[in-house]
């Protein structure tokens, strides 16, 4: 990465320390902001770095290397028989989201199935949420169970702070909300706030499948 001032003059740069390699697969990557620093990652590197306001950088944390990681080599793909390639994808880890809160690292990734890991920074304890099946993944994506109103599972995507309060946000498609309210899971749910369950059902019935995705916001406890 490099930083330029408003006149286009180079202020700071960090060169790629990874040796060149051949690959025919794309790799996901991302950035997030926490504690006034920018963090960045990619699927090929085991290291997540942070950049401070003075443009110094350091290692934030590591993801264990191994055969489960995205390979730094070309992968054979036969269009006439994609089963070996599907098996390859099934057995390799692909990260889609990383961010953190004051208490947790949150990592969403695919490895054999869709998973969400919440890792406590101090204790290193991990809390996992995983899809039970490919069918569930297709209709009701992996997420944290909503036991407040029985609504759709929460899929954490982003984090922000407002007035010293921490929030996680996610997006859910309207068709998933409408599918959920007619599901057995919703009908049989006993949420903490039954009156909110009725409000959620009313919301679902007011939506059209062609409407924009719905923003979900969760305020974290102090």
Protein backbone atom coordinates (compact mmCIF):
# COMPACT_ATOMS: atom_id res chain seq x y z
CA UNK A 1 0.00 0.00 0.00
CA UNK A 2 1.01 3.63 -0.37
CA UNK A 3 -0.15 6.97 0.99
CA UNK A 4 -0.06 10.17 -1.07
CA UNK A 5 -0.65 13.71 0.09
CA UNK A 6 -3.16 15.95 -1.70
CA UNK A 7 -0.47 16.99 -4.18
CA UNK A 8 0.23 13.38 -5.15
CA UNK A 9 3.56 13.23 -3.31
CA UNK A 10 4.43 9.85 -1.82
CA UNK A 11 4.33 10.04 1.98
CA UNK A 12 4.59 6.39 3.04
CA UNK A 13 4.58 2.95 1.45
CA UNK A 14 4.77 -0.72 2.34
CA UNK A 15 5.94 -3.14 -0.31
CA UNK A 16 4.58 -6.65 -0.64
CA UNK A 17 6.90 -8.99 1.24
CA UNK A 18 5.38 -12.16 -0.28
CA UNK A 19 7.41 -13.74 -3.07
CA UNK A 20 5.71 -13.87 -6.46
CA UNK A 21 3.67 -16.98 -7.24
CA UNK A 22 1.33 -18.22 -9.97
CA UNK A 23 -2.35 -18.66 -9.24
CA UNK A 24 -5.50 -18.85 -11.34
CA UNK A 25 -7.90 -18.17 -8.46
CA UNK A 26 -9.09 -14.83 -7.10
CA UNK A 27 -8.66 -14.09 -3.42
CA UNK A 28 -10.93 -12.12 -1.16
CA UNK A 29 -9.51 -9.24 0.81
CA UNK A 30 -10.76 -6.44 3.00
CA UNK A 31 -10.18 -3.59 5.38
CA UNK A 32 -11.87 -2.42 8.54
CA UNK A 33 -11.47 0.41 11.02
CA UNK A 34 -11.12 -0.07 14.77
CA UNK A 35 -9.67 2.08 17.54
CA UNK A 36 -8.66 4.79 15.06
CA UNK A 37 -6.57 2.37 12.99
CA UNK A 38 -7.02 0.76 9.58
CA UNK A 39 -6.68 -3.03 9.41
CA UNK A 40 -6.25 -5.00 6.20
CA UNK A 41 -6.10 -8.64 5.13
CA UNK A 42 -6.19 -10.92 2.08
CA UNK A 43 -6.84 -14.59 1.48
CA UNK A 44 -3.24 -15.52 0.66
CA UNK A 45 -1.53 -13.90 3.64
CA UNK A 46 -1.64 -15.32 7.17
CA UNK A 47 -1.07 -11.89 8.72
CA UNK A 48 -3.60 -9.16 9.49
CA UNK A 49 -1.86 -5.78 9.72
CA UNK A 50 -2.91 -2.47 11.24
CA UNK A 51 -1.92 1.06 10.21
CA UNK A 52 -1.89 3.84 12.83
CA UNK A 53 -2.55 7.53 12.26
CA UNK A 54 1.22 8.21 12.13
CA UNK A 55 1.36 5.66 9.24
CA UNK A 56 3.37 3.10 11.20
CA UNK A 57 2.17 -0.46 10.75
CA UNK A 58 2.37 -3.63 12.78
CA UNK A 59 1.03 -7.18 12.96
CA UNK A 60 -2.38 -7.35 14.59
CA UNK A 61 -2.99 -11.11 14.62
CA UNK A 62 -2.32 -14.25 12.59
CA UNK A 63 -4.45 -16.93 10.98
CA UNK A 64 -2.88 -20.35 11.30
CA UNK A 65 -1.21 -21.52 8.07
CA UNK A 66 -1.81 -25.00 6.71
CA UNK A 67 -3.31 -27.00 3.87
CA UNK A 68 -6.72 -25.47 4.62
CA UNK A 69 -5.52 -22.04 3.43
CA UNK A 70 -5.90 -20.70 -0.10
CA UNK A 71 -3.03 -22.22 -2.18
CA UNK A 72 -0.29 -20.12 -3.73
CA UNK A 73 -0.31 -22.19 -6.90
CA UNK A 74 -2.49 -22.82 -9.94
CA UNK A 75 -5.46 -25.14 -9.45
CA UNK A 76 -6.60 -27.54 -12.15
CA UNK A 77 -10.16 -26.81 -13.31
CA UNK A 78 -11.88 -29.09 -15.80
CA UNK A 79 -15.10 -27.47 -17.09
CA UNK A 80 -16.41 -30.88 -18.12
CA UNK A 81 -16.04 -32.25 -14.57
CA UNK A 82 -16.25 -29.66 -11.82
CA UNK A 83 -16.62 -32.13 -8.95
CA UNK A 84 -12.85 -32.16 -8.10
CA UNK A 85 -12.84 -28.37 -8.07
CA UNK A 86 -15.93 -28.27 -5.85
CA UNK A 87 -14.18 -30.69 -3.49
CA UNK A 88 -11.15 -28.40 -3.49
CA UNK A 89 -13.28 -25.39 -2.56
CA UNK A 90 -15.07 -27.40 0.12
CA UNK A 91 -11.78 -28.23 1.86
CA UNK A 92 -10.13 -24.82 1.67
CA UNK A 93 -10.81 -21.83 3.84
CA UNK A 94 -12.10 -18.65 2.24
CA UNK A 95 -12.57 -15.63 4.50
CA UNK A 96 -15.35 -13.22 3.60
CA UNK A 97 -15.40 -10.81 6.56
CA UNK A 98 -13.10 -9.77 9.39
CA UNK A 99 -13.67 -7.01 11.92
CA UNK A 100 -13.38 -6.52 15.67
CA UNK A 101 -15.04 -4.97 18.69
CA UNK A 102 -13.57 -4.08 22.07
CA UNK A 103 -14.16 -7.66 23.20
CA UNK A 104 -14.16 -9.86 20.08
CA UNK A 105 -12.57 -10.64 16.76
CA UNK A 106 -15.39 -11.56 14.35
CA UNK A 107 -14.48 -13.70 11.35
CA UNK A 108 -16.95 -15.05 8.79
CA UNK A 109 -15.53 -17.70 6.48
CA UNK A 110 -16.28 -20.80 4.45
CA UNK A 111 -14.55 -24.06 5.37
CA UNK A 112 -16.66 -27.14 4.56
CA UNK A 113 -19.65 -24.89 5.39
CA UNK A 114 -20.31 -21.26 6.27
CA UNK A 115 -19.04 -20.34 9.73
CA UNK A 116 -18.97 -17.28 11.98
CA UNK A 117 -16.34 -17.21 14.72
CA UNK A 118 -16.38 -14.80 17.65
CA UNK A 119 -13.03 -14.94 19.43
CA UNK A 120 -12.56 -13.25 22.79
CA UNK A 121 -9.43 -11.14 22.77
CA UNK A 122 -8.46 -11.66 26.41
CA UNK A 123 -9.47 -15.26 27.11
CA UNK A 124 -9.02 -16.52 23.50
CA UNK A 125 -12.29 -18.44 23.93
CA UNK A 126 -14.13 -19.05 20.65
CA UNK A 127 -17.85 -19.07 19.97
CA UNK A 128 -18.91 -20.66 16.68
CA UNK A 129 -22.00 -20.45 14.54
CA UNK A 130 -22.23 -22.74 11.49
CA UNK A 131 -24.73 -23.69 8.80
CA UNK A 132 -26.30 -27.06 9.41
CA UNK A 133 -26.73 -27.92 5.76
CA UNK A 134 -26.42 -26.54 2.24
CA UNK A 135 -30.21 -26.22 2.09
CA UNK A 136 -30.25 -24.08 5.21
CA UNK A 137 -27.39 -22.01 3.85
CA UNK A 138 -29.33 -21.32 0.66
CA UNK A 139 -32.57 -20.24 2.36
CA UNK A 140 -31.54 -19.02 5.81
CA UNK A 141 -27.87 -17.99 5.79
CA UNK A 142 -25.58 -18.65 8.71
CA UNK A 143 -26.09 -16.17 11.52
CA UNK A 144 -26.49 -15.58 15.24
CA UNK A 145 -29.86 -16.78 16.54
CA UNK A 146 -32.33 -13.99 17.18
CA UNK A 147 -34.03 -14.89 20.45
CA UNK A 148 -35.41 -11.37 21.03
CA UNK A 149 -38.27 -11.41 18.51
CA UNK A 150 -37.72 -14.73 16.73
CA UNK A 151 -36.70 -12.89 13.59
CA UNK A 152 -34.07 -13.82 11.04
CA UNK A 153 -30.57 -14.70 12.19
CA UNK A 154 -28.16 -11.82 12.51
CA UNK A 155 -25.24 -11.83 10.08
CA UNK A 156 -22.62 -9.38 11.40
CA UNK A 157 -20.89 -7.50 8.57
CA UNK A 158 -19.69 -4.16 9.90
CA UNK A 159 -18.89 -2.36 13.14
CA UNK A 160 -19.04 1.24 14.26
CA UNK A 161 -19.06 3.37 17.43
CA UNK A 162 -21.46 6.19 18.15
CA UNK A 163 -21.57 8.14 21.44
CA UNK A 164 -19.16 5.58 22.93
CA UNK A 165 -21.61 2.75 22.19
CA UNK A 166 -20.62 -0.18 20.00
CA UNK A 167 -22.82 -1.43 17.17
CA UNK A 168 -22.69 -4.28 14.68
CA UNK A 169 -24.73 -4.08 11.52
CA UNK A 170 -25.81 -6.48 8.82
CA UNK A 171 -28.06 -6.68 5.76
CA UNK A 172 -30.80 -9.19 5.07
CA UNK A 173 -32.73 -9.64 1.83
CA UNK A 174 -36.47 -9.07 1.99
CA UNK A 175 -37.26 -12.48 0.49
CA UNK A 176 -35.35 -14.11 3.35
CA UNK A 177 -37.45 -12.19 5.87
CA UNK A 178 -40.67 -13.22 4.13
CA UNK A 179 -39.53 -16.84 3.89
CA UNK A 180 -38.64 -16.82 7.58
CA UNK A 181 -42.04 -15.71 8.89
CA UNK A 182 -43.75 -18.65 7.17
CA UNK A 183 -41.14 -21.17 8.36
CA UNK A 184 -41.72 -23.76 11.07
CA UNK A 185 -38.78 -22.29 12.97
CA UNK A 186 -40.50 -18.93 13.30
CA UNK A 187 -43.95 -20.38 14.06
CA UNK A 188 -42.53 -22.52 16.88
CA UNK A 189 -40.19 -19.89 18.30
CA UNK A 190 -40.67 -18.53 21.84
CA UNK A 191 -38.70 -15.27 21.88
CA UNK A 192 -38.05 -13.17 24.97
CA UNK A 193 -40.42 -10.48 23.69
CA UNK A 194 -43.53 -12.12 22.15
CA UNK A 195 -45.00 -8.72 21.27
CA UNK A 196 -41.91 -8.01 19.16
CA UNK A 197 -42.51 -11.26 17.28
CA UNK A 198 -45.88 -9.89 16.13
CA UNK A 199 -44.21 -6.64 15.09
CA UNK A 200 -41.62 -8.57 13.08
CA UNK A 201 -44.34 -10.55 11.31
CA UNK A 202 -46.13 -7.27 10.52
CA UNK A 203 -42.92 -5.87 9.07
CA UNK A 204 -42.40 -8.97 6.91
CA UNK A 205 -45.93 -8.75 5.52
CA UNK A 206 -45.38 -5.09 4.60
CA UNK A 207 -42.33 -5.88 2.47
CA UNK A 208 -42.11 -6.80 -1.19
CA UNK A 209 -39.49 -9.28 -2.39
CA UNK A 210 -38.21 -6.59 -4.75
CA UNK A 211 -37.60 -4.08 -1.93
CA UNK A 212 -34.08 -3.08 -0.91
CA UNK A 213 -32.30 -5.20 1.73
CA UNK A 214 -33.15 -4.43 5.34
CA UNK A 215 -30.51 -3.00 7.65
CA UNK A 216 -30.14 -4.78 10.98
CA UNK A 217 -28.41 -3.00 13.87
CA UNK A 218 -27.30 -4.62 17.13
CA UNK A 219 -26.02 -2.56 20.06
CA UNK A 220 -23.42 -4.43 22.10
CA UNK A 221 -23.65 -4.63 25.88
CA UNK A 222 -21.03 -2.74 27.86
